[in-house]
Amino acid sequence: MATVSISDDSFKAEVLDSELPVLVDFWAEWCAPCKMIAPMVEDLSNEYDGKFKFTKLNVDDNPNTAAQFGIRGIPTLLIFHDGKPVEQVVGAVPKNVLKGKVDDVLTKVSVA
């Protein structure tokens, strides 16, 4: 499953109402670190297909959602479960850090 581009308008349906945990990649076209992590997010979306949803939200085109969640720097990745943010990663980090956050959330979800 590839990452899904979302907007202010589709955020509620794609993220808050999702039955799966959701990673939201807050990014912008001009952001070099955002472009560095994009392939990692895409790889993870394939690896966790059916268990986790991966989305991208362009903060320049969708400022309302970014403001709502206090996004001040990009890339910021928020992981949502049951409509609430449960994990956050700021900046370009190695793939194993992102994978660890995803695994942490999946462990909590399967226990709940």
C-alpha atoms as a PDB file:
ATOM      1  CA  MET A   1       0.000   0.000   0.000  1.00  0.00           C
ATOM      2  CA  ALA A   2       1.465   3.305  -1.016  1.00  0.00           C
ATOM      3  CA  THR A   3       1.276   6.418   1.093  1.00  0.00           C
ATOM      4  CA  VAL A   4      -1.966   8.350   0.722  1.00  0.00           C
ATOM      5  CA  SER A   5      -1.929  12.104   0.122  1.00  0.00           C
ATOM      6  CA  ILE A   6      -4.419  13.771   2.430  1.00  0.00           C
ATOM      7  CA  SER A   7      -5.735  17.300   2.915  1.00  0.00           C
ATOM      8  CA  ASP A   8      -7.432  19.425   5.542  1.00  0.00           C
ATOM      9  CA  ASP A   9     -10.731  18.215   4.073  1.00  0.00           C
ATOM     10  CA  SER A  10      -9.911  14.485   4.112  1.00  0.00           C
ATOM     11  CA  PHE A  11      -7.960  14.428   7.401  1.00  0.00           C
ATOM     12  CA  LYS A  12     -10.882  13.408   9.602  1.00  0.00           C
ATOM     13  CA  ALA A  13     -11.991  10.527   7.362  1.00  0.00           C
ATOM     14  CA  GLU A  14      -8.479   9.263   6.542  1.00  0.00           C
ATOM     15  CA  VAL A  15      -6.832   9.699   9.949  1.00  0.00           C
ATOM     16  CA  LEU A  16      -9.171  10.386  12.861  1.00  0.00           C
ATOM     17  CA  ASP A  17     -11.833   7.880  11.746  1.00  0.00           C
ATOM     18  CA  SER A  18      -9.374   5.188  10.637  1.00  0.00           C
ATOM     19  CA  GLU A  19      -9.642   1.749  12.198  1.00  0.00           C
ATOM     20  CA  LEU A  20      -5.908   1.255  11.619  1.00  0.00           C
ATOM     21  CA  PRO A  21      -3.181   3.291  13.302  1.00  0.00           C
ATOM     22  CA  VAL A  22      -2.086   6.113  10.972  1.00  0.00           C
ATOM     23  CA  LEU A  23       1.270   7.801  10.439  1.00  0.00           C
ATOM     24  CA  VAL A  24       0.912  11.341   9.081  1.00  0.00           C
ATOM     25  CA  ASP A  25       3.989  12.794   7.402  1.00  0.00           C
ATOM     26  CA  PHE A  26       3.707  16.590   7.611  1.00  0.00           C
ATOM     27  CA  TRP A  27       5.936  17.870   4.795  1.00  0.00           C
ATOM     28  CA  ALA A  28       6.468  20.564   2.138  1.00  0.00           C
ATOM     29  CA  GLU A  29       7.853  20.514  -1.400  1.00  0.00           C
ATOM     30  CA  TRP A  30      10.782  22.816  -0.527  1.00  0.00           C
ATOM     31  CA  CYS A  31      11.885  20.782   2.516  1.00  0.00           C
ATOM     32  CA  ALA A  32      15.072  18.785   1.813  1.00  0.00           C
ATOM     33  CA  PRO A  33      14.839  16.629   5.007  1.00  0.00           C
ATOM     34  CA  CYS A  34      11.228  15.811   4.030  1.00  0.00           C
ATOM     35  CA  LYS A  35      12.486  14.453   0.714  1.00  0.00           C
ATOM     36  CA  MET A  36      15.137  12.432   2.557  1.00  0.00           C
ATOM     37  CA  ILE A  37      12.602  10.527   4.667  1.00  0.00           C
ATOM     38  CA  ALA A  38       9.924  10.125   1.974  1.00  0.00           C
ATOM     39  CA  PRO A  39      11.408   6.874   0.575  1.00  0.00           C
ATOM     40  CA  MET A  40      11.604   5.420   4.100  1.00  0.00           C
ATOM     41  CA  VAL A  41       7.957   6.233   4.750  1.00  0.00           C
ATOM     42  CA  GLU A  42       7.047   4.649   1.395  1.00  0.00           C
ATOM     43  CA  ASP A  43       9.052   1.492   2.263  1.00  0.00           C
ATOM     44  CA  LEU A  44       7.309   1.215   5.621  1.00  0.00           C
ATOM     45  CA  SER A  45       3.903   1.665   3.977  1.00  0.00           C
ATOM     46  CA  ASN A  46       4.614  -1.453   1.912  1.00  0.00           C
ATOM     47  CA  GLU A  47       6.078  -3.387   4.832  1.00  0.00           C
ATOM     48  CA  TYR A  48       3.074  -2.720   7.120  1.00  0.00           C
ATOM     49  CA  ASP A  49       0.367  -2.979   4.456  1.00  0.00           C
ATOM     50  CA  GLY A  50      -2.937  -3.915   6.085  1.00  0.00           C
ATOM     51  CA  LYS A  51      -1.671  -3.193   9.614  1.00  0.00           C
ATOM     52  CA  PHE A  52      -0.910   0.513   9.458  1.00  0.00           C
ATOM     53  CA  LYS A  53      -1.905   3.434   7.223  1.00  0.00           C
ATOM     54  CA  PHE A  54       0.712   5.909   5.967  1.00  0.00           C
ATOM     55  CA  THR A  55      -0.320   9.370   4.814  1.00  0.00           C
ATOM     56  CA  LYS A  56       1.321  12.616   3.701  1.00  0.00           C
ATOM     57  CA  LEU A  57      -0.019  16.095   4.345  1.00  0.00           C
ATOM     58  CA  ASN A  58       1.553  19.077   2.562  1.00  0.00           C
ATOM     59  CA  VAL A  59       1.630  21.843   5.186  1.00  0.00           C
ATOM     60  CA  ASP A  60       1.787  24.632   2.596  1.00  0.00           C
ATOM     61  CA  ASP A  61      -1.431  23.432   0.946  1.00  0.00           C
ATOM     62  CA  ASN A  62      -3.143  22.404   4.196  1.00  0.00           C
ATOM     63  CA  PRO A  63      -2.230  24.862   6.952  1.00  0.00           C
ATOM     64  CA  ASN A  64      -5.312  24.251   9.110  1.00  0.00           C
ATOM     65  CA  THR A  65      -4.475  20.692  10.106  1.00  0.00           C
ATOM     66  CA  ALA A  66      -0.805  21.542  10.659  1.00  0.00           C
ATOM     67  CA  ALA A  67      -1.830  24.420  12.936  1.00  0.00           C
ATOM     68  CA  GLN A  68      -4.388  22.274  14.764  1.00  0.00           C
ATOM     69  CA  PHE A  69      -1.644  19.839  15.809  1.00  0.00           C
ATOM     70  CA  GLY A  70       0.985  22.494  16.523  1.00  0.00           C
ATOM     71  CA  ILE A  71       3.338  21.523  13.707  1.00  0.00           C
ATOM     72  CA  ARG A  72       6.173  24.051  13.888  1.00  0.00           C
ATOM     73  CA  GLY A  73       8.944  22.240  12.052  1.00  0.00           C
ATOM     74  CA  ILE A  74       8.988  19.729   9.244  1.00  0.00           C
ATOM     75  CA  PRO A  75       9.279  16.941   8.674  1.00  0.00           C
ATOM     76  CA  THR A  76       7.097  16.031  11.612  1.00  0.00           C
ATOM     77  CA  LEU A  77       5.534  12.600  11.716  1.00  0.00           C
ATOM     78  CA  LEU A  78       2.579  12.030  14.013  1.00  0.00           C
ATOM     79  CA  ILE A  79       1.155   8.585  14.658  1.00  0.00           C
ATOM     80  CA  PHE A  80      -2.547   8.457  15.455  1.00  0.00           C
ATOM     81  CA  HIS A  81      -4.537   5.668  17.050  1.00  0.00           C
ATOM     82  CA  ASP A  82      -8.247   5.882  17.839  1.00  0.00           C
ATOM     83  CA  GLY A  83      -8.278   9.470  16.584  1.00  0.00           C
ATOM     84  CA  LYS A  84      -5.543  10.712  18.923  1.00  0.00           C
ATOM     85  CA  PRO A  85      -1.837  11.400  18.396  1.00  0.00           C
ATOM     86  CA  VAL A  86       0.170   8.776  20.307  1.00  0.00           C
ATOM     87  CA  GLU A  87       3.729   9.205  18.953  1.00  0.00           C
ATOM     88  CA  GLN A  88       5.717  12.008  17.333  1.00  0.00           C
ATOM     89  CA  VAL A  89       8.978  12.182  15.407  1.00  0.00           C
ATOM     90  CA  VAL A  90      10.484  15.525  14.382  1.00  0.00           C
ATOM     91  CA  GLY A  91      13.198  15.795  11.764  1.00  0.00           C
ATOM     92  CA  ALA A  92      14.841  13.380   9.389  1.00  0.00           C
ATOM     93  CA  VAL A  93      15.581  10.241  11.379  1.00  0.00           C
ATOM     94  CA  PRO A  94      16.921   6.822  10.363  1.00  0.00           C
ATOM     95  CA  LYS A  95      14.405   4.252   9.125  1.00  0.00           C
ATOM     96  CA  ASN A  96      14.928   2.061  12.189  1.00  0.00           C
ATOM     97  CA  VAL A  97      13.704   4.925  14.425  1.00  0.00           C
ATOM     98  CA  LEU A  98      10.471   5.241  12.423  1.00  0.00           C
ATOM     99  CA  LYS A  99      10.057   1.471  12.321  1.00  0.00           C
ATOM    100  CA  GLY A 100      10.529   1.346  16.111  1.00  0.00           C
ATOM    101  CA  LYS A 101       7.757   3.912  16.654  1.00  0.00           C
ATOM    102  CA  VAL A 102       5.416   1.982  14.339  1.00  0.00           C
ATOM    103  CA  ASP A 103       6.222  -1.285  16.125  1.00  0.00           C
ATOM    104  CA  ASP A 104       5.651   0.359  19.530  1.00  0.00           C
ATOM    105  CA  VAL A 105       2.187   1.515  18.486  1.00  0.00           C
ATOM    106  CA  LEU A 106       1.311  -1.881  16.990  1.00  0.00           C
ATOM    107  CA  THR A 107       2.390  -3.588  20.232  1.00  0.00           C
ATOM    108  CA  LYS A 108       0.155  -1.258  22.271  1.00  0.00           C
ATOM    109  CA  VAL A 109      -2.754  -1.731  19.859  1.00  0.00           C
ATOM    110  CA  SER A 110      -2.535  -5.530  19.943  1.00  0.00           C
ATOM    111  CA  VAL A 111      -2.445  -5.505  23.757  1.00  0.00           C
ATOM    112  CA  ALA A 112      -5.420  -3.142  24.039  1.00  0.00           C
END
